Amino acid sequence: MKCDEYQEQLSAMIDNELADGEVEELFLHMGGCVACRAALRSQLELRSGLREDAPLLAPKELDEKVLSTVSRAGAQLDGRRVMGRAVWQRHVSMPWPLAAAIAGLFLIGGLAVTSVWSPFGKIPEPQVRVVYVTALPTVEVNGYFP
């Protein structure tokens, strides 16, 4: 193998993606090759530098552009009147025991109102009617009808 091929294997070795035989062959090569050892050292330094908790900063031009856009948008909103949402568009949040209690009160109130005003709650007295069926023999049928 050439040094280029060994140097391509360095990243896989660092990530523990090489088989034991390949790692052993790579180390045997690096024992006699200064360029591959230098490549390994530079990759390890690069990875250790990436692991540091250095914050990434945006360029100053981007900060200035964002801040100017925000200030312009704020200036445009100053002339407008801010309107709130309509009642049916608002989000209402409450703990579930309170919501369950309110739902229970609505249920009990609804049952109370329907029992007072509903005609279905009253049972009519049965009326007896006589019905004659005209078939041979004549049969008299008594029944209860509302």
C-alpha atoms as a PDB file:
ATOM      1  CA  MET A   1       0.000   0.000   0.000  1.00  0.00           C
ATOM      2  CA  LYS A   2       1.036   3.595  -0.548  1.00  0.00           C
ATOM      3  CA  CYS A   3       1.146   6.348   2.049  1.00  0.00           C
ATOM      4  CA  ASP A   4      -1.998   7.939   0.576  1.00  0.00           C
ATOM      5  CA  GLU A   5      -3.978   4.759   1.264  1.00  0.00           C
ATOM      6  CA  TYR A   6      -2.610   4.531   4.816  1.00  0.00           C
ATOM      7  CA  GLN A   7      -3.491   8.160   5.475  1.00  0.00           C
ATOM      8  CA  GLU A   8      -7.067   7.506   4.321  1.00  0.00           C
ATOM      9  CA  GLN A   9      -7.272   4.723   6.929  1.00  0.00           C
ATOM     10  CA  LEU A  10      -6.201   7.055   9.768  1.00  0.00           C
ATOM     11  CA  SER A  11      -9.688   8.539  10.216  1.00  0.00           C
ATOM     12  CA  ALA A  12     -11.266   5.086  10.265  1.00  0.00           C
ATOM     13  CA  MET A  13      -8.700   3.978  12.842  1.00  0.00           C
ATOM     14  CA  ILE A  14      -9.470   6.958  15.090  1.00  0.00           C
ATOM     15  CA  ASP A  15     -13.181   6.094  14.872  1.00  0.00           C
ATOM     16  CA  ASN A  16     -12.439   2.400  15.702  1.00  0.00           C
ATOM     17  CA  GLU A  17     -13.775   1.275  12.341  1.00  0.00           C
ATOM     18  CA  LEU A  18     -10.752  -0.799  11.261  1.00  0.00           C
ATOM     19  CA  ALA A  19     -10.226  -4.491  11.893  1.00  0.00           C
ATOM     20  CA  ASP A  20      -7.403  -5.536  14.231  1.00  0.00           C
ATOM     21  CA  GLY A  21      -5.239  -6.750  11.354  1.00  0.00           C
ATOM     22  CA  GLU A  22      -5.606  -3.470   9.485  1.00  0.00           C
ATOM     23  CA  VAL A  23      -4.745  -1.441  12.595  1.00  0.00           C
ATOM     24  CA  GLU A  24      -1.635  -3.557  13.161  1.00  0.00           C
ATOM     25  CA  GLU A  25      -0.531  -3.103   9.547  1.00  0.00           C
ATOM     26  CA  LEU A  26      -1.156   0.666   9.794  1.00  0.00           C
ATOM     27  CA  PHE A  27       0.962   0.955  12.965  1.00  0.00           C
ATOM     28  CA  LEU A  28       3.763  -1.073  11.402  1.00  0.00           C
ATOM     29  CA  HIS A  29       3.787   1.348   8.466  1.00  0.00           C
ATOM     30  CA  MET A  30       3.679   4.449  10.721  1.00  0.00           C
ATOM     31  CA  GLY A  31       6.672   3.097  12.657  1.00  0.00           C
ATOM     32  CA  GLY A  32       8.842   3.771   9.624  1.00  0.00           C
ATOM     33  CA  CYS A  33       6.923   6.622   7.891  1.00  0.00           C
ATOM     34  CA  VAL A  34       7.294  10.164   9.218  1.00  0.00           C
ATOM     35  CA  ALA A  35       4.618  11.595   6.849  1.00  0.00           C
ATOM     36  CA  CYS A  36       1.897   9.198   8.080  1.00  0.00           C
ATOM     37  CA  ARG A  37       2.787   9.922  11.734  1.00  0.00           C
ATOM     38  CA  ALA A  38       2.515  13.644  11.010  1.00  0.00           C
ATOM     39  CA  ALA A  39      -0.868  13.075   9.301  1.00  0.00           C
ATOM     40  CA  LEU A  40      -2.086  11.130  12.361  1.00  0.00           C
ATOM     41  CA  ARG A  41      -0.886  13.877  14.693  1.00  0.00           C
ATOM     42  CA  SER A  42      -2.631  16.592  12.641  1.00  0.00           C
ATOM     43  CA  GLN A  43      -5.927  14.643  12.546  1.00  0.00           C
ATOM     44  CA  LEU A  44      -5.826  14.096  16.316  1.00  0.00           C
ATOM     45  CA  GLU A  45      -5.118  17.808  16.904  1.00  0.00           C
ATOM     46  CA  LEU A  46      -7.964  18.745  14.595  1.00  0.00           C
ATOM     47  CA  ARG A  47     -10.409  16.474  16.409  1.00  0.00           C
ATOM     48  CA  SER A  48      -9.323  17.686  19.842  1.00  0.00           C
ATOM     49  CA  GLY A  49      -9.776  21.281  18.639  1.00  0.00           C
ATOM     50  CA  LEU A  50     -13.311  20.472  17.483  1.00  0.00           C
ATOM     51  CA  ARG A  51     -14.209  19.004  20.871  1.00  0.00           C
ATOM     52  CA  GLU A  52     -13.375  22.184  22.755  1.00  0.00           C
ATOM     53  CA  ASP A  53     -16.317  24.220  23.897  1.00  0.00           C
ATOM     54  CA  ALA A  54     -15.331  27.315  21.936  1.00  0.00           C
ATOM     55  CA  PRO A  55     -18.476  29.279  21.089  1.00  0.00           C
ATOM     56  CA  LEU A  56     -19.118  29.933  17.434  1.00  0.00           C
ATOM     57  CA  LEU A  57     -19.566  33.629  16.742  1.00  0.00           C
ATOM     58  CA  ALA A  58     -21.453  35.091  13.844  1.00  0.00           C
ATOM     59  CA  PRO A  59     -19.707  37.734  11.734  1.00  0.00           C
ATOM     60  CA  LYS A  60     -20.287  41.335  12.814  1.00  0.00           C
ATOM     61  CA  GLU A  61     -21.901  42.145   9.474  1.00  0.00           C
ATOM     62  CA  LEU A  62     -24.610  39.556  10.134  1.00  0.00           C
ATOM     63  CA  ASP A  63     -25.259  40.939  13.626  1.00  0.00           C
ATOM     64  CA  GLU A  64     -25.594  44.463  12.240  1.00  0.00           C
ATOM     65  CA  LYS A  65     -27.917  43.317   9.463  1.00  0.00           C
ATOM     66  CA  VAL A  66     -30.214  41.455  11.868  1.00  0.00           C
ATOM     67  CA  LEU A  67     -30.330  44.326  14.343  1.00  0.00           C
ATOM     68  CA  SER A  68     -31.100  46.870  11.630  1.00  0.00           C
ATOM     69  CA  THR A  69     -33.903  44.675  10.282  1.00  0.00           C
ATOM     70  CA  VAL A  70     -35.416  44.331  13.741  1.00  0.00           C
ATOM     71  CA  SER A  71     -35.259  48.060  14.400  1.00  0.00           C
ATOM     72  CA  ARG A  72     -36.895  48.814  11.040  1.00  0.00           C
ATOM     73  CA  ALA A  73     -39.678  46.320  11.751  1.00  0.00           C
ATOM     74  CA  GLY A  74     -40.230  47.895  15.168  1.00  0.00           C
ATOM     75  CA  ALA A  75     -40.471  51.339  13.598  1.00  0.00           C
ATOM     76  CA  GLN A  76     -43.115  50.080  11.168  1.00  0.00           C
ATOM     77  CA  LEU A  77     -45.184  48.617  13.994  1.00  0.00           C
ATOM     78  CA  ASP A  78     -45.140  51.851  16.021  1.00  0.00           C
ATOM     79  CA  GLY A  79     -47.768  53.425  13.763  1.00  0.00           C
ATOM     80  CA  ARG A  80     -50.143  50.473  13.969  1.00  0.00           C
ATOM     81  CA  ARG A  81     -52.703  49.718  16.597  1.00  0.00           C
ATOM     82  CA  VAL A  82     -52.234  46.287  18.079  1.00  0.00           C
ATOM     83  CA  MET A  83     -55.475  44.362  18.264  1.00  0.00           C
ATOM     84  CA  GLY A  84     -56.031  41.426  20.539  1.00  0.00           C
ATOM     85  CA  ARG A  85     -57.471  38.150  19.477  1.00  0.00           C
ATOM     86  CA  ALA A  86     -61.171  37.515  19.501  1.00  0.00           C
ATOM     87  CA  VAL A  87     -62.512  35.495  22.429  1.00  0.00           C
ATOM     88  CA  TRP A  88     -63.060  32.349  20.354  1.00  0.00           C
ATOM     89  CA  GLN A  89     -59.480  32.503  19.056  1.00  0.00           C
ATOM     90  CA  ARG A  90     -57.806  32.648  22.461  1.00  0.00           C
ATOM     91  CA  HIS A  91     -56.146  29.654  24.026  1.00  0.00           C
ATOM     92  CA  VAL A  92     -57.488  28.782  27.464  1.00  0.00           C
ATOM     93  CA  SER A  93     -55.366  26.698  29.768  1.00  0.00           C
ATOM     94  CA  MET A  94     -56.316  25.320  33.171  1.00  0.00           C
ATOM     95  CA  PRO A  95     -55.452  22.343  35.360  1.00  0.00           C
ATOM     96  CA  TRP A  96     -57.357  19.184  34.483  1.00  0.00           C
ATOM     97  CA  PRO A  97     -59.172  18.841  37.877  1.00  0.00           C
ATOM     98  CA  LEU A  98     -60.648  22.302  37.389  1.00  0.00           C
ATOM     99  CA  ALA A  99     -61.641  21.462  33.806  1.00  0.00           C
ATOM    100  CA  ALA A 100     -63.269  18.207  35.005  1.00  0.00           C
ATOM    101  CA  ALA A 101     -65.195  20.089  37.708  1.00  0.00           C
ATOM    102  CA  ILE A 102     -66.469  22.647  35.202  1.00  0.00           C
ATOM    103  CA  ALA A 103     -67.509  19.883  32.775  1.00  0.00           C
ATOM    104  CA  GLY A 104     -69.331  18.099  35.621  1.00  0.00           C
ATOM    105  CA  LEU A 105     -71.198  21.281  36.549  1.00  0.00           C
ATOM    106  CA  PHE A 106     -72.262  21.753  32.930  1.00  0.00           C
ATOM    107  CA  LEU A 107     -73.475  18.147  32.791  1.00  0.00           C
ATOM    108  CA  ILE A 108     -75.470  18.390  36.022  1.00  0.00           C
ATOM    109  CA  GLY A 109     -76.897  21.783  35.010  1.00  0.00           C
ATOM    110  CA  GLY A 110     -77.894  20.461  31.607  1.00  0.00           C
ATOM    111  CA  LEU A 111     -79.660  17.467  33.123  1.00  0.00           C
ATOM    112  CA  ALA A 112     -81.485  19.708  35.607  1.00  0.00           C
ATOM    113  CA  VAL A 113     -82.671  22.085  32.884  1.00  0.00           C
ATOM    114  CA  THR A 114     -83.854  19.311  30.569  1.00  0.00           C
ATOM    115  CA  SER A 115     -85.748  17.537  33.340  1.00  0.00           C
ATOM    116  CA  VAL A 116     -87.672  20.737  34.175  1.00  0.00           C
ATOM    117  CA  TRP A 117     -88.566  21.786  30.628  1.00  0.00           C
ATOM    118  CA  SER A 118     -88.637  18.480  28.808  1.00  0.00           C
ATOM    119  CA  PRO A 119     -91.996  16.860  27.966  1.00  0.00           C
ATOM    120  CA  PHE A 120     -90.249  13.489  27.873  1.00  0.00           C
ATOM    121  CA  GLY A 121     -89.890  13.405  31.640  1.00  0.00           C
ATOM    122  CA  LYS A 122     -93.662  13.151  32.156  1.00  0.00           C
ATOM    123  CA  ILE A 123     -95.278   9.739  31.740  1.00  0.00           C
ATOM    124  CA  PRO A 124     -98.837   9.944  30.366  1.00  0.00           C
ATOM    125  CA  GLU A 125    -101.516   7.852  31.938  1.00  0.00           C
ATOM    126  CA  PRO A 126    -102.389   4.819  29.828  1.00  0.00           C
ATOM    127  CA  GLN A 127    -105.684   4.850  27.948  1.00  0.00           C
ATOM    128  CA  VAL A 128    -107.563   1.680  27.227  1.00  0.00           C
ATOM    129  CA  ARG A 129    -108.918   1.334  23.732  1.00  0.00           C
ATOM    130  CA  VAL A 130    -110.897  -1.474  22.267  1.00  0.00           C
ATOM    131  CA  VAL A 131    -109.930  -2.611  18.822  1.00  0.00           C
ATOM    132  CA  TYR A 132    -112.012  -5.032  16.802  1.00  0.00           C
ATOM    133  CA  VAL A 133    -110.315  -7.165  14.238  1.00  0.00           C
ATOM    134  CA  THR A 134    -112.626  -8.282  11.492  1.00  0.00           C
ATOM    135  CA  ALA A 135    -111.414 -11.753  10.823  1.00  0.00           C
ATOM    136  CA  LEU A 136    -113.091 -15.087  11.415  1.00  0.00           C
ATOM    137  CA  PRO A 137    -113.558 -15.648  14.317  1.00  0.00           C
ATOM    138  CA  THR A 138    -114.062 -12.150  15.696  1.00  0.00           C
ATOM    139  CA  VAL A 139    -111.442 -11.369  18.312  1.00  0.00           C
ATOM    140  CA  GLU A 140    -111.490  -8.519  20.749  1.00  0.00           C
ATOM    141  CA  VAL A 141    -108.068  -7.100  21.593  1.00  0.00           C
ATOM    142  CA  ASN A 142    -107.535  -4.805  24.561  1.00  0.00           C
ATOM    143  CA  GLY A 143    -104.288  -2.803  24.625  1.00  0.00           C
ATOM    144  CA  TYR A 144    -102.621   0.103  26.244  1.00  0.00           C
ATOM    145  CA  PHE A 145    -101.717   3.025  24.021  1.00  0.00           C
ATOM    146  CA  PRO A 146    -100.193   6.333  24.982  1.00  0.00           C
END
